[in-house]
Amino acid sequence: MSTLLIVDDERPVSKLLGKIIEKEGFRVVEAGTGKECLDLYRESQPDIALIDIVMPDKDGISTIKELKSLNHQAKIIAMSGGLVFTPQAYLDEATEVGADFVFSKPIDNKLPMSAIKDLL
């Protein structure tokens, strides 16, 4: 069974994604911060990490960079709702630092699953 790590400081978002992904037969591990993400990544060795870009303690860009330094083959999907700027600016940067796929919030339920299946 493949494991996915969902990293988002907004619990409703991570819960929704988790339910969608679990229904498809995957194991889900959740983190609410970038630091938690790095700890859980080391522990659970997930197949894919879905990482929010805008988080309070360690942003997703820094988190992606650190994950890639831990494992340059890490499979990463980045997501962002934006804030002041458009989400696309954050997502472009996420791609530059190693994200395999990116998508904007709010989430189209089919989009994460198609990216996940492409990466596995």
Protein backbone atom coordinates (compact mmCIF):
# COMPACT_ATOMS: atom_id res chain seq x y z
CA MET A 1 0.00 0.00 0.00
CA SER A 2 1.41 3.40 -1.00
CA THR A 3 1.73 6.10 1.64
CA LEU A 4 1.05 9.79 1.08
CA LEU A 5 2.08 12.58 3.40
CA ILE A 6 -0.28 15.57 3.40
CA VAL A 7 1.19 18.80 4.79
CA ASP A 8 -1.21 21.68 5.40
CA ASP A 9 -1.77 23.98 8.35
CA GLU A 10 -5.49 24.12 7.49
CA ARG A 11 -6.94 20.95 9.04
CA PRO A 12 -10.14 20.96 6.95
CA VAL A 13 -8.05 20.90 3.77
CA SER A 14 -5.81 18.06 4.92
CA LYS A 15 -8.83 16.08 6.19
CA LEU A 16 -10.67 16.49 2.86
CA LEU A 17 -7.60 15.44 0.86
CA GLY A 18 -6.99 12.56 3.25
CA LYS A 19 -10.51 11.21 2.78
CA ILE A 20 -10.28 11.45 -1.01
CA ILE A 21 -6.91 9.70 -1.06
CA GLU A 22 -7.85 6.99 1.46
CA LYS A 23 -10.95 6.11 -0.61
CA GLU A 24 -8.55 5.30 -3.45
CA GLY A 25 -6.77 2.75 -1.25
CA PHE A 26 -3.76 4.75 -0.05
CA ARG A 27 -2.42 5.16 3.47
CA VAL A 28 -2.36 8.81 4.60
CA VAL A 29 -0.09 10.53 7.11
CA GLU A 30 -0.79 14.17 8.00
CA ALA A 31 1.45 17.01 9.14
CA GLY A 32 0.38 20.54 10.03
CA THR A 33 3.76 22.26 9.68
CA GLY A 34 6.91 22.12 7.60
CA LYS A 35 8.93 20.86 10.56
CA GLU A 36 6.39 18.09 11.24
CA CYS A 37 6.57 17.21 7.54
CA LEU A 38 10.33 16.64 7.69
CA ASP A 39 10.03 14.52 10.85
CA LEU A 40 7.17 12.41 9.43
CA TYR A 41 8.93 12.06 6.08
CA ARG A 42 11.93 10.51 7.81
CA GLU A 43 9.67 8.25 9.90
CA SER A 44 7.09 7.07 7.40
CA GLN A 45 9.08 7.25 4.12
CA PRO A 46 5.99 8.20 2.09
CA ASP A 47 5.76 7.56 -1.63
CA ILE A 48 4.51 11.11 -2.27
CA ALA A 49 4.30 14.31 -0.23
CA LEU A 50 1.51 16.85 -0.89
CA ILE A 51 2.75 20.15 0.51
CA ASP A 52 0.96 23.45 1.04
CA ILE A 53 3.15 26.42 0.17
CA VAL A 54 1.87 29.02 2.64
CA MET A 55 2.38 27.80 6.22
CA PRO A 56 3.29 29.73 9.37
CA ASP A 57 6.43 28.04 10.71
CA LYS A 58 8.27 26.88 7.60
CA ASP A 59 6.88 27.64 4.19
CA GLY A 60 6.38 24.95 1.60
CA ILE A 61 9.23 26.16 -0.62
CA SER A 62 11.76 25.70 2.20
CA THR A 63 10.17 22.37 3.08
CA ILE A 64 10.41 21.13 -0.52
CA LYS A 65 14.07 22.17 -0.69
CA GLU A 66 14.84 20.26 2.53
CA LEU A 67 12.94 17.17 1.37
CA LYS A 68 14.87 17.20 -1.89
CA SER A 69 18.14 17.44 0.06
CA LEU A 70 17.07 14.41 2.14
CA ASN A 71 16.00 12.48 -0.94
CA HIS A 72 16.60 14.01 -4.36
CA GLN A 73 14.08 11.51 -5.80
CA ALA A 74 11.28 12.56 -3.43
CA LYS A 75 7.97 12.85 -5.26
CA ILE A 76 6.26 16.10 -4.35
CA ILE A 77 2.96 17.75 -5.20
CA ALA A 78 2.69 21.41 -4.14
CA MET A 79 -0.56 23.28 -3.53
CA SER A 80 -1.36 26.90 -2.77
CA GLY A 81 -4.31 29.18 -2.27
CA GLY A 82 -2.17 32.26 -2.63
CA LEU A 83 -2.62 34.93 0.05
CA VAL A 84 -1.75 38.41 -1.22
CA PHE A 85 -0.20 37.20 -4.47
CA THR A 86 -1.64 34.82 -7.00
CA PRO A 87 -1.12 31.16 -6.17
CA GLN A 88 0.64 30.69 -9.52
CA ALA A 89 3.69 32.71 -8.38
CA TYR A 90 4.15 30.32 -5.43
CA LEU A 91 3.49 27.28 -7.58
CA ASP A 92 6.02 28.35 -10.20
CA GLU A 93 8.64 28.66 -7.48
CA ALA A 94 7.66 25.24 -6.10
CA THR A 95 8.27 23.72 -9.54
CA GLU A 96 11.67 25.44 -9.71
CA VAL A 97 12.77 23.86 -6.41
CA GLY A 98 11.59 20.36 -7.26
CA ALA A 99 7.81 19.86 -7.08
CA ASP A 100 6.64 17.32 -9.65
CA PHE A 101 3.09 18.67 -9.86
CA VAL A 102 1.40 21.84 -8.60
CA PHE A 103 -2.21 22.89 -8.16
CA SER A 104 -4.23 25.79 -6.78
CA LYS A 105 -6.73 25.71 -3.97
CA PRO A 106 -9.67 25.31 -3.86
CA ILE A 107 -9.01 21.78 -4.96
CA ASP A 108 -10.72 19.94 -7.77
CA ASN A 109 -11.12 16.47 -6.21
CA LYS A 110 -9.95 14.69 -9.37
CA LEU A 111 -6.76 16.71 -9.81
CA PRO A 112 -4.75 15.38 -6.84
CA MET A 113 -5.63 11.77 -7.68
CA SER A 114 -4.55 12.08 -11.31
CA ALA A 115 -1.20 13.62 -10.21
CA ILE A 116 -0.75 10.91 -7.56
CA LYS A 117 -1.41 8.13 -10.05
CA ASP A 118 1.00 9.70 -12.55
CA LEU A 119 3.77 9.75 -9.94
CA LEU A 120 3.34 6.14 -8.80
